[in-house]
């Protein structure tokens, strides 16, 4: 789980930084892909959090790390989606 998280977070950071230094019409899709990856991590952490809740109750859920990773990925994903929407249109300008 740790290796998958590190690789995914690394890809999210790379896509976000790449979107800041590319064409404006390409920035939105790049950040959108980063947001999708973040929401994918969110789904994994949600599953782990619900498993903790089911097997150990609220105390076990709050004492394990997935619930906090879930909060971070949920907020990060929502912020990235808003950044993607604010990046502008998603198609290149048409030739004259």
Protein backbone atom coordinates (compact mmCIF):
# COMPACT_ATOMS: atom_id res chain seq x y z
CA UNK A 1 0.00 0.00 0.00
CA UNK A 2 2.82 2.39 0.82
CA UNK A 3 4.56 1.91 -2.53
CA UNK A 4 1.31 2.46 -4.45
CA UNK A 5 0.57 5.59 -2.44
CA UNK A 6 4.03 7.04 -2.93
CA UNK A 7 3.95 6.36 -6.68
CA UNK A 8 0.46 7.83 -7.08
CA UNK A 9 1.24 10.93 -5.03
CA UNK A 10 4.44 11.39 -7.02
CA UNK A 11 2.49 11.22 -10.28
CA UNK A 12 -0.08 13.70 -8.93
CA UNK A 13 2.67 16.16 -8.02
CA UNK A 14 4.37 15.72 -11.40
CA UNK A 15 1.11 16.31 -13.30
CA UNK A 16 0.30 19.39 -11.22
CA UNK A 17 3.75 20.89 -11.73
CA UNK A 18 3.69 20.04 -15.43
CA UNK A 19 0.32 21.77 -15.77
CA UNK A 20 1.82 24.97 -14.39
CA UNK A 21 4.45 25.09 -17.16
CA UNK A 22 2.50 24.00 -20.22
CA UNK A 23 -0.02 25.43 -22.68
CA UNK A 24 -3.15 26.83 -21.05
CA UNK A 25 -5.40 24.46 -22.99
CA UNK A 26 -3.43 21.46 -21.69
CA UNK A 27 -3.33 22.54 -18.04
CA UNK A 28 -6.96 21.64 -17.32
CA UNK A 29 -6.76 18.02 -18.51
CA UNK A 30 -3.45 17.47 -16.69
CA UNK A 31 -4.87 18.71 -13.40
CA UNK A 32 -8.05 16.73 -14.10
CA UNK A 33 -6.03 13.52 -14.38
CA UNK A 34 -4.24 14.40 -11.15
CA UNK A 35 -7.63 14.94 -9.47
CA UNK A 36 -8.83 11.58 -10.77
CA UNK A 37 -5.78 9.85 -9.32
CA UNK A 38 -6.42 11.59 -6.02
CA UNK A 39 -10.03 10.39 -6.03
CA UNK A 40 -8.78 6.87 -6.80
CA UNK A 41 -6.64 6.99 -3.66
CA UNK A 42 -9.70 8.34 -1.87
CA UNK A 43 -11.66 5.21 -2.83
CA UNK A 44 -8.91 2.93 -1.53
CA UNK A 45 -8.70 4.78 1.79
CA UNK A 46 -12.49 4.79 2.11
CA UNK A 47 -12.51 1.00 1.80
CA UNK A 48 -9.78 0.66 4.43
CA UNK A 49 -11.58 3.09 6.75
CA UNK A 50 -14.89 1.26 6.47
CA UNK A 51 -13.12 -2.06 7.15
CA UNK A 52 -11.63 -0.59 10.32
CA UNK A 53 -15.04 0.73 11.35
CA UNK A 54 -16.75 -2.60 10.66
CA UNK A 55 -14.22 -4.78 12.45
CA UNK A 56 -13.20 -2.58 15.37
CA UNK A 57 -15.69 0.23 15.74
CA UNK A 58 -15.18 3.97 15.78
CA UNK A 59 -12.25 3.81 18.21
CA UNK A 60 -10.31 1.46 15.93
CA UNK A 61 -11.15 3.57 12.91
CA UNK A 62 -9.92 6.79 14.53
CA UNK A 63 -6.74 5.16 15.80
CA UNK A 64 -5.65 3.91 12.37
CA UNK A 65 -4.05 5.94 9.58
CA UNK A 66 -6.48 5.38 6.63
CA UNK A 67 -9.14 7.71 8.04
CA UNK A 68 -6.66 10.60 8.06
CA UNK A 69 -5.34 9.74 4.61
CA UNK A 70 -8.98 9.70 3.47
CA UNK A 71 -9.46 13.24 4.74
CA UNK A 72 -6.29 14.46 3.01
CA UNK A 73 -7.14 12.85 -0.34
CA UNK A 74 -10.75 14.06 -0.23
CA UNK A 75 -9.73 17.68 0.31
CA UNK A 76 -6.84 17.45 -2.16
CA UNK A 77 -9.06 15.91 -4.83
CA UNK A 78 -11.70 18.60 -4.43
CA UNK A 79 -9.07 21.35 -4.64
CA UNK A 80 -7.52 19.81 -7.76
CA UNK A 81 -10.92 19.56 -9.44
CA UNK A 82 -11.55 23.24 -8.77
CA UNK A 83 -8.11 24.12 -10.13
CA UNK A 84 -8.86 22.06 -13.25
CA UNK A 85 -12.15 23.91 -13.77
CA UNK A 86 -10.42 27.26 -13.31
CA UNK A 87 -7.68 26.42 -15.81
CA UNK A 88 -9.83 27.39 -18.75
CA UNK A 89 -11.00 25.59 -21.82
CA UNK A 90 -9.78 22.09 -22.62
CA UNK A 91 -9.25 22.34 -26.35
CA UNK A 92 -6.53 24.02 -28.33
CA UNK A 93 -7.38 27.27 -30.07
CA UNK A 94 -8.68 26.76 -33.59
CA UNK A 95 -6.38 27.83 -36.42
CA UNK A 96 -7.29 31.09 -38.21
